[in-house]
């Protein structure tokens, strides 16, 4: 028994599919370009740069202050003395209950 031979011609479908993708790619590129133009205004970029710079500067200052305080025995001693000199809340409660 002879089996029928089926032959599909996909070349036309492939070309039309590629054309649709190419058109979609152009539309997508235009949408991205429009979004970038709207977002990347000089004012918006300046605001983003200033906010990030301020954040980084704050972080660096905090790190340096932490390092300074951790490395300074004088500051540690002053804090230790201040804590010891303060009456504890537990002692104040005992005094108030008497």
C-alpha atoms as a PDB file:
ATOM      1  CA  UNK A   1       0.000   0.000   0.000  1.00  0.00           C
ATOM      2  CA  UNK A   2       1.397   3.377  -1.026  1.00  0.00           C
ATOM      3  CA  UNK A   3       1.324   6.129   1.575  1.00  0.00           C
ATOM      4  CA  UNK A   4       0.393   9.588   0.346  1.00  0.00           C
ATOM      5  CA  UNK A   5       3.181  12.162   0.528  1.00  0.00           C
ATOM      6  CA  UNK A   6       2.210  15.395   2.227  1.00  0.00           C
ATOM      7  CA  UNK A   7       4.257  18.420   1.424  1.00  0.00           C
ATOM      8  CA  UNK A   8       3.893  21.744   3.213  1.00  0.00           C
ATOM      9  CA  UNK A   9       5.102  24.949   1.754  1.00  0.00           C
ATOM     10  CA  UNK A  10       6.030  27.149   4.702  1.00  0.00           C
ATOM     11  CA  UNK A  11       8.150  29.698   2.920  1.00  0.00           C
ATOM     12  CA  UNK A  12       5.250  32.133   2.403  1.00  0.00           C
ATOM     13  CA  UNK A  13       4.150  31.773   6.040  1.00  0.00           C
ATOM     14  CA  UNK A  14       7.719  32.316   7.205  1.00  0.00           C
ATOM     15  CA  UNK A  15       8.035  35.527   5.139  1.00  0.00           C
ATOM     16  CA  UNK A  16       4.761  36.967   6.425  1.00  0.00           C
ATOM     17  CA  UNK A  17       5.673  36.074  10.021  1.00  0.00           C
ATOM     18  CA  UNK A  18       9.050  37.814   9.666  1.00  0.00           C
ATOM     19  CA  UNK A  19       7.338  40.891   8.192  1.00  0.00           C
ATOM     20  CA  UNK A  20       4.967  41.058  11.178  1.00  0.00           C
ATOM     21  CA  UNK A  21       7.872  40.727  13.612  1.00  0.00           C
ATOM     22  CA  UNK A  22       9.823  43.405  11.773  1.00  0.00           C
ATOM     23  CA  UNK A  23       6.847  45.809  11.933  1.00  0.00           C
ATOM     24  CA  UNK A  24       6.340  45.029  15.635  1.00  0.00           C
ATOM     25  CA  UNK A  25      10.041  45.595  16.291  1.00  0.00           C
ATOM     26  CA  UNK A  26       9.847  49.033  14.667  1.00  0.00           C
ATOM     27  CA  UNK A  27       6.784  49.950  16.776  1.00  0.00           C
ATOM     28  CA  UNK A  28       8.453  48.701  19.937  1.00  0.00           C
ATOM     29  CA  UNK A  29      11.609  50.673  19.151  1.00  0.00           C
ATOM     30  CA  UNK A  30       9.532  53.839  18.651  1.00  0.00           C
ATOM     31  CA  UNK A  31       7.717  53.252  21.962  1.00  0.00           C
ATOM     32  CA  UNK A  32      10.987  52.800  23.840  1.00  0.00           C
ATOM     33  CA  UNK A  33      12.488  55.887  22.221  1.00  0.00           C
ATOM     34  CA  UNK A  34       9.409  57.936  23.159  1.00  0.00           C
ATOM     35  CA  UNK A  35       9.533  56.701  26.760  1.00  0.00           C
ATOM     36  CA  UNK A  36      13.237  57.546  26.996  1.00  0.00           C
ATOM     37  CA  UNK A  37      12.694  61.031  25.566  1.00  0.00           C
ATOM     38  CA  UNK A  38       9.886  61.707  28.027  1.00  0.00           C
ATOM     39  CA  UNK A  39      11.796  60.362  31.029  1.00  0.00           C
ATOM     40  CA  UNK A  40      15.269  61.668  30.295  1.00  0.00           C
ATOM     41  CA  UNK A  41      14.518  65.369  30.508  1.00  0.00           C
ATOM     42  CA  UNK A  42      17.311  67.565  31.875  1.00  0.00           C
ATOM     43  CA  UNK A  43      15.229  68.309  34.989  1.00  0.00           C
ATOM     44  CA  UNK A  44      14.488  64.654  35.690  1.00  0.00           C
ATOM     45  CA  UNK A  45      18.089  63.583  35.137  1.00  0.00           C
ATOM     46  CA  UNK A  46      19.339  66.372  37.417  1.00  0.00           C
ATOM     47  CA  UNK A  47      16.881  65.301  40.109  1.00  0.00           C
ATOM     48  CA  UNK A  48      17.942  61.649  39.869  1.00  0.00           C
ATOM     49  CA  UNK A  49      21.641  62.526  39.928  1.00  0.00           C
ATOM     50  CA  UNK A  50      21.224  64.875  42.905  1.00  0.00           C
ATOM     51  CA  UNK A  51      19.212  62.321  44.880  1.00  0.00           C
ATOM     52  CA  UNK A  52      21.726  59.538  44.230  1.00  0.00           C
ATOM     53  CA  UNK A  53      24.702  61.773  45.007  1.00  0.00           C
ATOM     54  CA  UNK A  54      23.097  62.890  48.289  1.00  0.00           C
ATOM     55  CA  UNK A  55      22.399  59.271  49.210  1.00  0.00           C
ATOM     56  CA  UNK A  56      25.976  58.208  48.523  1.00  0.00           C
ATOM     57  CA  UNK A  57      27.454  61.203  50.357  1.00  0.00           C
ATOM     58  CA  UNK A  58      25.231  60.475  53.385  1.00  0.00           C
ATOM     59  CA  UNK A  59      26.296  56.822  53.360  1.00  0.00           C
ATOM     60  CA  UNK A  60      29.992  57.758  53.207  1.00  0.00           C
ATOM     61  CA  UNK A  61      29.642  60.280  56.049  1.00  0.00           C
ATOM     62  CA  UNK A  62      27.819  57.717  58.195  1.00  0.00           C
ATOM     63  CA  UNK A  63      30.489  55.084  57.496  1.00  0.00           C
ATOM     64  CA  UNK A  64      33.287  57.513  58.341  1.00  0.00           C
ATOM     65  CA  UNK A  65      31.561  58.625  61.563  1.00  0.00           C
ATOM     66  CA  UNK A  66      31.039  55.004  62.563  1.00  0.00           C
ATOM     67  CA  UNK A  67      34.673  54.184  61.842  1.00  0.00           C
ATOM     68  CA  UNK A  68      35.821  57.294  63.745  1.00  0.00           C
ATOM     69  CA  UNK A  69      33.705  56.466  66.779  1.00  0.00           C
ATOM     70  CA  UNK A  70      34.636  52.779  66.791  1.00  0.00           C
ATOM     71  CA  UNK A  71      38.332  53.541  66.503  1.00  0.00           C
ATOM     72  CA  UNK A  72      38.396  56.314  69.114  1.00  0.00           C
ATOM     73  CA  UNK A  73      38.989  55.035  72.626  1.00  0.00           C
ATOM     74  CA  UNK A  74      38.306  58.552  73.953  1.00  0.00           C
ATOM     75  CA  UNK A  75      34.806  58.577  72.460  1.00  0.00           C
ATOM     76  CA  UNK A  76      34.135  55.047  73.734  1.00  0.00           C
ATOM     77  CA  UNK A  77      35.251  56.087  77.218  1.00  0.00           C
ATOM     78  CA  UNK A  78      33.083  59.231  77.152  1.00  0.00           C
ATOM     79  CA  UNK A  79      30.031  57.194  76.126  1.00  0.00           C
ATOM     80  CA  UNK A  80      30.806  54.537  78.745  1.00  0.00           C
ATOM     81  CA  UNK A  81      31.041  57.231  81.441  1.00  0.00           C
ATOM     82  CA  UNK A  82      27.827  58.885  80.286  1.00  0.00           C
ATOM     83  CA  UNK A  83      25.964  55.579  80.436  1.00  0.00           C
ATOM     84  CA  UNK A  84      27.330  54.750  83.870  1.00  0.00           C
ATOM     85  CA  UNK A  85      26.481  58.228  85.177  1.00  0.00           C
ATOM     86  CA  UNK A  86      22.836  57.967  84.140  1.00  0.00           C
ATOM     87  CA  UNK A  87      20.517  56.428  86.692  1.00  0.00           C
ATOM     88  CA  UNK A  88      18.929  53.330  85.211  1.00  0.00           C
ATOM     89  CA  UNK A  89      15.176  53.224  84.716  1.00  0.00           C
ATOM     90  CA  UNK A  90      15.139  50.106  86.908  1.00  0.00           C
ATOM     91  CA  UNK A  91      16.687  52.028  89.831  1.00  0.00           C
ATOM     92  CA  UNK A  92      14.206  54.879  89.377  1.00  0.00           C
ATOM     93  CA  UNK A  93      11.258  52.440  89.535  1.00  0.00           C
ATOM     94  CA  UNK A  94      12.587  50.944  92.759  1.00  0.00           C
ATOM     95  CA  UNK A  95      13.023  54.410  94.257  1.00  0.00           C
ATOM     96  CA  UNK A  96       9.495  55.497  93.248  1.00  0.00           C
ATOM     97  CA  UNK A  97       7.931  52.350  94.725  1.00  0.00           C
ATOM     98  CA  UNK A  98       9.425  52.878  98.216  1.00  0.00           C
END
